[in-house]
Amino acid sequence: MSLAKRVSLIKPSPTLALEARAKAMKKEGIDVISFSAGEPDFDTPEGIKEAAIRAIKEGFTKYTPSSGIEELRQAVADKLAKDLGLSYKSKEVLISCGAKHSLYNIAMALFEEGDEVIIPAPYWVTFPEQVLLSSAKPVIVDAFEDDGFLLKPELFESVITPKTKALILNTPSNPVGSAYDRTHLEKIAEIAVRNNIYIISDETYSEIVYDGFKQVSIASLNKKIFDLTIVVSCASKSYAMTGWRIGYAAGPPYLIEAMGNIQSQSTSNPASISQKAAVEAFSGRYADFINMMVERFDRRRHYIVNRLRNITGITCFLPQGAFYVFPNVKEILGKMFENTVIDSTVKLTEYLLNEAKVAAVPGDAFGAPGYMRLSFASSMENIEKGMDRIENAIRNLR
C-alpha cells in the first residue's frame, strides 16, 4: 500500500521539530537555551483562565456549532471593528483551531490545481506547504533586507499571471518582524484589485508592534480590497494562549461559509472551553497585559539585536513587530569547526545546538538561506545566557 501523493509534497514543520528536539535534550538533563519557540513566555491572564474554569463548572463541555459559538464570532467582529476599523457581521467570521487551521481552511476552500499563490520570502514555514496541499503552486518572491524585507509592489506585479489566485501577506511578519505601513499597502491593494487577486492577510502579530508603529489592515483601505481580503489572526500571541488553539478568519460570506463546511467535515468545532476563554480574551479588558508584554519584548528586542550586531560577520534587521530577530549570517558561512565546514545555516544551527546548546531555526526553513531565526519570547536571563553561548561559539569558528 502506498501513501497519498500529497504527503510527499510537504515537510514537517522545522520550527516545531527543533523545539521538540530542544525539549528532548532538556529532558536528558542537557542545559539547552531555546530560541526556536514561537510563543510568549508569559502565562495566560487569570481572568481568561477563570472564564475557562467557569465554563467547565457550568457544563459548557459539549459540542458547539462547528464554525464557533455566536458569542465568540461576534466578539471577533467587534474586536476587528474597534482595533482595525473593519466592519464584519458575525456570519462573516469563522472560529478555528488556531490561525494555522484558519489558513488551511482558506487553502482548501480557495485553491486548486492550476492556481498560483504568491508568497513573499522570508515566509512563515507553513504558507507554501498548505498551498502545495491544496494542489496549487506557491510562487516565491524574495523580499530583501535592504527593502526592510517588504515585498516591492513592482515585483509583486511582475510575477502575476492569469493563474494567480492570491497573495499571502503576513504583517507583522514571522520570521522577520517586518511590517507594512499604509502607503505600501495601498500600492499592493491597487495591484490586487486591478488583477482581481485575493489577499490573505495574516495579522497574527498585529498587537505586538514597536516604536509607535500603527498596524493597518489592508482590508480597511477601501471596499474593493475589503471584498478581496481574508483577515486571519488568533488568541495565541497577544494573550499568551498558544495551547488554547483558537484562531479566526474574517472575509467574504461565501468563502467563510465554504470554509465552515470544510471545517464541519474535518475538525468540527474548536474546544468549547477554549472558545469561552477567547470571548473573555477579546473583551477589551486585557490591554494592560498586552502593553506589559510588548514593553518586555521591546527591551529584549533591543538587547538581542545589539548583541547580534556586535558579533563580527553578523548584521541584524531591527524588527517592527512580533518577537523574532532574523540575523544575516552569510559572512560566517564557509568557516570551520574542527574538520567540518559550516557552509549553510542548517549546519550553523546544528553546530550551535550541538556545541553551544542553543536552539535556533535556519533561514532555509523560511525561504531565506544565509539567515537564522531567533525568538526573543524568552526571559532576559535566558537571552543573555544564550547570546553569550552564540558569541563564544562563533568566535571558535576558523
Protein backbone atom coordinates (compact mmCIF):
# COMPACT_ATOMS: atom_id res chain seq x y z
CA MET A 1 0.00 0.00 0.00
CA SER A 2 1.27 3.50 -0.81
CA LEU A 3 0.58 6.88 0.77
CA ALA A 4 -1.25 9.66 -1.00
CA LYS A 5 0.94 11.72 -3.34
CA ARG A 6 0.25 14.90 -1.35
CA VAL A 7 2.21 13.51 1.61
CA SER A 8 5.41 13.58 -0.43
CA LEU A 9 4.89 17.26 -1.30
CA ILE A 10 5.25 18.62 2.22
CA LYS A 11 7.78 18.58 5.03
CA PRO A 12 7.25 18.53 8.80
CA SER A 13 7.35 21.95 10.48
CA PRO A 14 11.05 22.63 11.16
CA THR A 15 10.24 25.10 13.95
CA LEU A 16 8.18 22.53 15.84
CA ALA A 17 10.77 19.83 15.16
CA LEU A 18 13.60 21.94 16.54
CA GLU A 19 11.64 22.89 19.63
CA ALA A 20 10.81 19.21 20.20
CA ARG A 21 14.50 18.31 19.89
CA ALA A 22 15.48 21.05 22.34
CA LYS A 23 12.87 19.82 24.83
CA ALA A 24 14.09 16.24 24.44
CA MET A 25 17.66 17.34 25.19
CA LYS A 26 16.43 19.19 28.27
CA LYS A 27 14.69 16.02 29.48
CA GLU A 28 18.04 14.27 29.21
CA GLY A 29 19.46 16.85 31.59
CA ILE A 30 21.23 18.92 28.93
CA ASP A 31 21.16 22.67 29.57
CA VAL A 32 19.70 23.92 26.28
CA ILE A 33 18.71 27.54 25.65
CA SER A 34 15.95 27.57 23.04
CA PHE A 35 15.40 30.48 20.69
CA SER A 36 13.15 28.36 18.47
CA ALA A 37 9.75 28.59 20.17
CA GLY A 38 7.20 30.98 18.70
CA GLU A 39 5.20 31.51 21.85
CA PRO A 40 5.20 34.13 24.64
CA ASP A 41 6.86 33.04 27.86
CA PHE A 42 4.09 34.73 29.85
CA ASP A 43 1.18 32.85 31.41
CA THR A 44 -2.39 33.30 30.18
CA PRO A 45 -4.04 36.08 32.23
CA GLU A 46 -6.00 34.91 35.26
CA GLY A 47 -9.32 36.35 34.06
CA ILE A 48 -9.12 34.29 30.88
CA LYS A 49 -8.29 31.13 32.80
CA GLU A 50 -11.16 31.82 35.19
CA ALA A 51 -13.57 32.13 32.25
CA ALA A 52 -12.50 28.64 31.12
CA ILE A 53 -12.91 27.21 34.62
CA ARG A 54 -16.34 28.80 34.85
CA ALA A 55 -17.31 27.21 31.52
CA ILE A 56 -16.29 23.80 32.83
CA LYS A 57 -18.19 24.23 36.08
CA GLU A 58 -21.29 25.40 34.21
CA GLY A 59 -21.16 22.32 31.98
CA PHE A 60 -20.17 24.09 28.78
CA THR A 61 -18.31 20.97 27.68
CA LYS A 62 -20.38 19.71 24.75
CA TYR A 63 -20.27 20.22 21.00
CA THR A 64 -20.82 23.75 19.74
CA PRO A 65 -21.71 24.92 16.23
CA SER A 66 -18.81 23.80 14.04
CA SER A 67 -17.98 27.36 12.98
CA GLY A 68 -17.79 28.61 16.56
CA ILE A 69 -20.28 29.95 19.07
CA GLU A 70 -22.16 33.09 18.09
CA GLU A 71 -20.83 34.92 21.16
CA LEU A 72 -17.24 34.44 20.05
CA ARG A 73 -17.87 35.20 16.38
CA GLN A 74 -19.47 38.47 17.44
CA ALA A 75 -16.61 39.20 19.85
CA VAL A 76 -14.15 38.82 16.97
CA ALA A 77 -16.25 41.08 14.74
CA ASP A 78 -16.37 43.71 17.50
CA LYS A 79 -12.62 43.44 18.05
CA LEU A 80 -11.82 43.87 14.36
CA ALA A 81 -14.08 46.92 14.20
CA LYS A 82 -12.51 48.50 17.28
CA ASP A 83 -8.86 47.68 16.55
CA LEU A 84 -8.68 47.87 12.75
CA GLY A 85 -11.80 49.67 11.59
CA LEU A 86 -13.14 46.58 9.81
CA SER A 87 -16.87 46.01 9.51
CA TYR A 88 -17.80 42.32 9.63
CA LYS A 89 -21.00 40.57 10.65
CA SER A 90 -20.64 37.55 12.90
CA LYS A 91 -21.58 35.26 9.99
CA GLU A 92 -18.50 36.57 8.16
CA VAL A 93 -16.24 35.19 10.92
CA LEU A 94 -15.11 31.56 11.30
CA ILE A 95 -13.56 30.30 14.55
CA SER A 96 -10.96 27.56 14.06
CA CYS A 97 -8.30 25.65 15.99
CA GLY A 98 -5.63 28.35 15.66
CA ALA A 99 -4.56 30.67 12.84
CA LYS A 100 -2.81 27.77 11.10
CA HIS A 101 -6.14 25.95 10.91
CA SER A 102 -7.81 29.09 9.55
CA LEU A 103 -5.17 29.31 6.81
CA TYR A 104 -5.63 25.64 5.98
CA ASN A 105 -9.38 26.12 5.62
CA ILE A 106 -8.73 29.05 3.26
CA ALA A 107 -6.36 26.99 1.13
CA MET A 108 -8.80 24.10 0.92
CA ALA A 109 -11.73 26.35 0.01
CA LEU A 110 -9.94 28.67 -2.42
CA PHE A 111 -7.04 26.91 -4.18
CA GLU A 112 -6.89 24.03 -6.60
CA GLU A 113 -4.67 22.54 -9.28
CA GLY A 114 -3.62 25.18 -11.80
CA ASP A 115 -3.78 28.09 -9.33
CA GLU A 116 -0.73 30.11 -8.32
CA VAL A 117 -0.31 31.77 -4.93
CA ILE A 118 2.30 34.48 -4.44
CA ILE A 119 4.28 34.26 -1.20
CA PRO A 120 6.98 36.79 -0.25
CA ALA A 121 10.12 35.27 1.26
CA PRO A 122 11.14 35.16 4.05
CA TYR A 123 7.84 33.43 4.78
CA TRP A 124 6.30 31.52 7.66
CA VAL A 125 7.14 27.86 7.07
CA THR A 126 3.51 26.77 6.73
CA PHE A 127 2.45 29.08 3.89
CA PRO A 128 3.95 27.20 0.92
CA GLU A 129 3.21 23.79 2.42
CA GLN A 130 -0.52 24.49 2.69
CA VAL A 131 -0.60 25.79 -0.88
CA LEU A 132 1.03 22.54 -2.01
CA LEU A 133 -1.50 20.51 -0.03
CA SER A 134 -4.28 22.26 -1.96
CA SER A 135 -2.62 21.16 -5.27
CA ALA A 136 -1.85 24.78 -6.17
CA LYS A 137 1.60 26.21 -6.89
CA PRO A 138 3.42 28.54 -4.45
CA VAL A 139 5.21 31.35 -6.30
CA ILE A 140 8.01 32.56 -4.05
CA VAL A 141 9.13 36.17 -4.43
CA ASP A 142 12.12 37.47 -2.49
CA ALA A 143 11.75 40.47 -0.21
CA PHE A 144 15.19 41.84 0.55
CA GLU A 145 16.84 43.08 3.72
CA ASP A 146 17.72 46.41 2.09
CA ASP A 147 13.98 46.96 1.49
CA GLY A 148 13.06 46.15 5.09
CA PHE A 149 12.03 42.64 3.98
CA LEU A 150 8.90 44.14 2.39
CA LEU A 151 7.52 42.98 -0.95
CA LYS A 152 8.09 45.62 -3.62
CA PRO A 153 4.82 46.42 -5.39
CA GLU A 154 6.50 46.33 -8.80
CA LEU A 155 7.94 42.88 -8.04
CA PHE A 156 4.51 41.69 -6.94
CA GLU A 157 3.02 42.88 -10.21
CA SER A 158 5.80 41.33 -12.28
CA VAL A 159 5.02 37.75 -11.18
CA ILE A 160 1.25 37.93 -11.68
CA THR A 161 -0.07 35.58 -14.37
CA PRO A 162 -3.58 34.56 -15.46
CA LYS A 163 -3.22 31.70 -12.96
CA THR A 164 -2.56 33.94 -9.93
CA LYS A 165 -5.29 33.42 -7.34
CA ALA A 166 -3.94 35.10 -4.20
CA LEU A 167 -1.15 36.84 -2.34
CA ILE A 168 -0.32 35.79 1.21
CA LEU A 169 0.66 38.86 3.20
CA ASN A 170 1.99 38.47 6.75
CA THR A 171 2.29 41.71 8.71
CA PRO A 172 3.96 41.94 11.14
CA SER A 173 5.99 39.07 9.78
CA ASN A 174 7.17 35.79 11.16
CA PRO A 175 10.17 35.25 10.87
CA VAL A 176 11.44 38.80 10.29
CA GLY A 177 9.21 41.21 12.22
CA SER A 178 8.85 43.49 9.20
CA ALA A 179 5.54 45.36 8.91
CA TYR A 180 3.73 47.17 6.08
CA ASP A 181 2.61 50.77 6.54
CA ARG A 182 -0.47 52.28 4.90
CA THR A 183 1.37 53.73 1.89
CA HIS A 184 2.93 50.39 0.99
CA LEU A 185 -0.35 48.54 1.48
CA GLU A 186 -2.20 50.99 -0.77
CA LYS A 187 0.17 50.17 -3.65
CA ILE A 188 -0.24 46.43 -3.14
CA ALA A 189 -4.03 46.80 -2.84
CA GLU A 190 -4.26 48.75 -6.09
CA ILE A 191 -2.44 45.97 -7.95
CA ALA A 192 -4.55 43.24 -6.32
CA VAL A 193 -7.83 44.98 -7.18
CA ARG A 194 -6.77 45.65 -10.75
CA ASN A 195 -5.91 41.98 -11.21
CA ASN A 196 -8.74 40.56 -9.09
CA ILE A 197 -6.36 38.77 -6.71
CA TYR A 198 -7.32 37.66 -3.21
CA ILE A 199 -5.25 38.90 -0.28
CA ILE A 200 -4.80 36.51 2.62
CA SER A 201 -3.75 38.90 5.38
CA ASP A 202 -2.17 37.05 8.29
CA GLU A 203 -2.23 39.60 11.12
CA THR A 204 -1.39 37.24 13.97
CA TYR A 205 1.12 39.69 15.50
CA SER A 206 -0.90 42.87 14.92
CA GLU A 207 -0.88 43.85 18.60
CA ILE A 208 2.83 43.20 19.13
CA VAL A 209 4.43 46.25 17.47
CA TYR A 210 7.12 48.72 18.50
CA ASP A 211 8.27 52.33 18.22
CA GLY A 212 4.74 53.64 17.78
CA PHE A 213 4.12 51.64 14.60
CA LYS A 214 0.45 51.78 13.62
CA GLN A 215 -0.95 48.47 12.41
CA VAL A 216 -3.13 48.94 9.34
CA SER A 217 -5.10 46.07 7.83
CA ILE A 218 -5.10 46.09 4.04
CA ALA A 219 -8.82 45.22 4.25
CA SER A 220 -9.51 48.64 5.79
CA LEU A 221 -8.29 50.67 2.79
CA ASN A 222 -11.39 50.59 0.61
CA LYS A 223 -14.43 48.49 -0.28
CA LYS A 224 -12.85 46.85 -3.31
CA ILE A 225 -9.85 45.43 -1.43
CA PHE A 226 -12.08 44.62 1.56
CA ASP A 227 -14.10 42.31 -0.68
CA LEU A 228 -10.92 40.51 -1.82
CA THR A 229 -9.31 40.14 1.62
CA ILE A 230 -9.47 37.38 4.21
CA VAL A 231 -8.10 38.54 7.57
CA VAL A 232 -6.57 35.84 9.77
CA SER A 233 -5.50 36.09 13.41
CA CYS A 234 -5.75 34.26 16.73
CA ALA A 235 -5.68 34.47 20.51
CA SER A 236 -2.32 32.73 20.73
CA LYS A 237 0.27 35.51 20.68
CA SER A 238 -1.35 38.64 22.13
CA TYR A 239 -3.00 36.81 25.03
CA ALA A 240 -0.36 34.11 25.67
CA MET A 241 -2.85 31.41 24.67
CA THR A 242 -0.85 29.26 22.25
CA GLY A 243 -2.09 25.99 23.75
CA TRP A 244 -5.74 27.01 23.77
CA ARG A 245 -5.87 26.72 19.94
CA ILE A 246 -8.25 29.49 18.95
CA GLY A 247 -7.87 31.29 15.65
CA TYR A 248 -10.23 33.05 13.31
CA ALA A 249 -10.75 34.21 9.76
CA ALA A 250 -12.98 37.06 8.58
CA GLY A 251 -13.86 37.61 4.95
CA PRO A 252 -16.45 37.37 2.19
CA PRO A 253 -19.53 35.46 3.41
CA TYR A 254 -19.48 32.92 0.56
CA LEU A 255 -15.87 32.00 1.39
CA ILE A 256 -16.42 31.87 5.15
CA GLU A 257 -19.43 29.59 4.57
CA ALA A 258 -17.35 27.28 2.37
CA MET A 259 -14.56 27.19 4.94
CA GLY A 260 -17.12 26.40 7.63
CA ASN A 261 -18.43 23.48 5.58
CA ILE A 262 -14.90 22.12 5.23
CA GLN A 263 -14.29 22.52 8.96
CA SER A 264 -17.57 20.77 9.78
CA GLN A 265 -16.30 17.66 7.98
CA SER A 266 -12.76 17.77 9.35
CA THR A 267 -12.30 19.01 12.92
CA SER A 268 -15.82 20.25 13.66
CA ASN A 269 -15.86 22.89 16.40
CA PRO A 270 -12.86 24.24 18.32
CA ALA A 271 -12.83 23.25 22.01
CA SER A 272 -15.91 24.68 23.74
CA ILE A 273 -13.92 25.70 26.82
CA SER A 274 -11.27 27.49 24.77
CA GLN A 275 -13.99 29.39 22.95
CA LYS A 276 -15.38 30.75 26.22
CA ALA A 277 -11.85 31.72 27.28
CA ALA A 278 -11.39 33.57 23.97
CA VAL A 279 -14.63 35.52 24.46
CA GLU A 280 -13.10 36.84 27.67
CA ALA A 281 -9.74 37.49 25.97
CA PHE A 282 -11.37 39.58 23.25
CA SER A 283 -13.47 41.56 25.73
CA GLY A 284 -11.05 44.50 25.70
CA ARG A 285 -10.10 44.03 29.35
CA TYR A 286 -6.52 42.91 28.66
CA ALA A 287 -4.90 45.97 27.09
CA ASP A 288 -2.65 46.36 30.14
CA PHE A 289 -1.47 42.77 29.82
CA ILE A 290 -0.64 43.22 26.13
CA ASN A 291 1.15 46.52 26.84
CA MET A 292 3.19 44.82 29.57
CA MET A 293 4.23 42.02 27.21
CA VAL A 294 5.13 44.44 24.42
CA GLU A 295 7.19 46.55 26.82
CA ARG A 296 9.16 43.48 27.96
CA PHE A 297 9.57 42.24 24.40
CA ASP A 298 10.80 45.67 23.36
CA ARG A 299 13.61 45.62 25.92
CA ARG A 300 14.60 42.13 24.80
CA ARG A 301 14.39 43.19 21.14
CA HIS A 302 16.94 45.96 21.58
CA TYR A 303 19.21 43.79 23.69
CA ILE A 304 19.34 40.82 21.32
CA VAL A 305 19.73 42.99 18.18
CA ASN A 306 22.60 44.93 19.77
CA ARG A 307 24.32 41.72 20.87
CA LEU A 308 23.99 40.20 17.40
CA ARG A 309 25.25 43.35 15.68
CA ASN A 310 28.34 43.27 17.88
CA ILE A 311 29.33 39.82 16.60
CA THR A 312 31.77 40.07 13.70
CA GLY A 313 30.18 38.79 10.50
CA ILE A 314 26.55 39.32 11.57
CA THR A 315 24.11 42.07 10.63
CA CYS A 316 20.58 42.21 12.01
CA PHE A 317 17.36 43.96 10.96
CA LEU A 318 15.53 45.66 13.84
CA PRO A 319 12.01 44.17 13.84
CA GLN A 320 8.97 46.45 13.91
CA GLY A 321 6.69 43.75 15.29
CA ALA A 322 6.38 40.14 16.53
CA PHE A 323 9.10 38.65 18.74
CA TYR A 324 11.74 37.35 16.36
CA VAL A 325 15.07 38.53 15.03
CA PHE A 326 16.43 37.32 11.70
CA PRO A 327 20.19 37.93 11.63
CA ASN A 328 22.17 37.78 8.41
CA VAL A 329 24.99 35.26 8.97
CA LYS A 330 26.26 34.94 5.39
CA GLU A 331 29.76 36.19 6.26
CA ILE A 332 30.14 33.38 8.80
CA LEU A 333 29.35 30.64 6.31
CA GLY A 334 32.42 28.87 4.96
CA LYS A 335 34.22 28.90 8.29
CA MET A 336 35.20 25.68 10.00
CA PHE A 337 34.80 23.93 13.33
CA GLU A 338 37.38 21.18 13.70
CA ASN A 339 37.11 19.34 10.35
CA THR A 340 33.59 20.47 9.46
CA VAL A 341 32.87 23.33 7.08
CA ILE A 342 29.90 25.42 8.23
CA ASP A 343 28.67 26.07 4.71
CA SER A 344 24.95 26.61 5.34
CA THR A 345 22.68 27.98 8.03
CA VAL A 346 21.40 24.45 8.55
CA LYS A 347 24.92 23.38 9.53
CA LEU A 348 25.37 26.56 11.57
CA THR A 349 22.26 25.91 13.65
CA GLU A 350 23.26 22.26 14.07
CA TYR A 351 26.66 23.43 15.29
CA LEU A 352 25.06 25.88 17.73
CA LEU A 353 22.77 23.19 19.11
CA ASN A 354 25.45 20.50 19.40
CA GLU A 355 28.35 22.64 20.62
CA ALA A 356 26.76 25.67 22.30
CA LYS A 357 23.50 24.01 23.38
CA VAL A 358 21.47 26.81 21.75
CA ALA A 359 18.47 26.10 19.51
CA ALA A 360 17.82 28.45 16.58
CA VAL A 361 15.99 27.90 13.29
CA PRO A 362 17.89 28.03 9.96
CA GLY A 363 16.69 30.62 7.48
CA ASP A 364 16.37 27.92 4.81
CA ALA A 365 13.12 26.88 6.52
CA PHE A 366 11.72 30.34 5.77
CA GLY A 367 12.97 30.54 2.19
CA ALA A 368 15.99 32.65 3.18
CA PRO A 369 19.32 30.78 3.26
CA GLY A 370 22.05 32.77 4.96
CA TYR A 371 19.81 33.87 7.83
CA MET A 372 18.56 32.27 11.02
CA ARG A 373 15.59 33.00 13.25
CA LEU A 374 15.82 33.55 16.98
CA SER A 375 12.77 34.15 19.14
CA PHE A 376 13.13 36.63 22.00
CA ALA A 377 9.93 35.37 23.64
CA SER A 378 12.07 34.11 26.49
CA SER A 379 13.36 35.52 29.75
CA MET A 380 16.11 38.11 29.65
CA GLU A 381 18.24 35.72 31.70
CA ASN A 382 17.92 33.05 29.01
CA ILE A 383 18.55 35.56 26.23
CA GLU A 384 21.72 36.84 27.91
CA LYS A 385 22.99 33.32 28.54
CA GLY A 386 22.09 32.19 25.02
CA MET A 387 23.77 35.18 23.39
CA ASP A 388 26.95 34.54 25.40
CA ARG A 389 26.98 31.00 24.06
CA ILE A 390 26.34 32.06 20.45
CA GLU A 391 29.07 34.70 20.62
CA ASN A 392 31.60 32.22 22.03
CA ALA A 393 30.62 29.51 19.53
CA ILE A 394 31.05 31.83 16.54
CA ARG A 395 34.34 33.09 17.91
CA ASN A 396 35.57 29.46 17.89
CA LEU A 397 34.99 29.11 14.15
CA ARG A 398 38.05 29.42 11.97
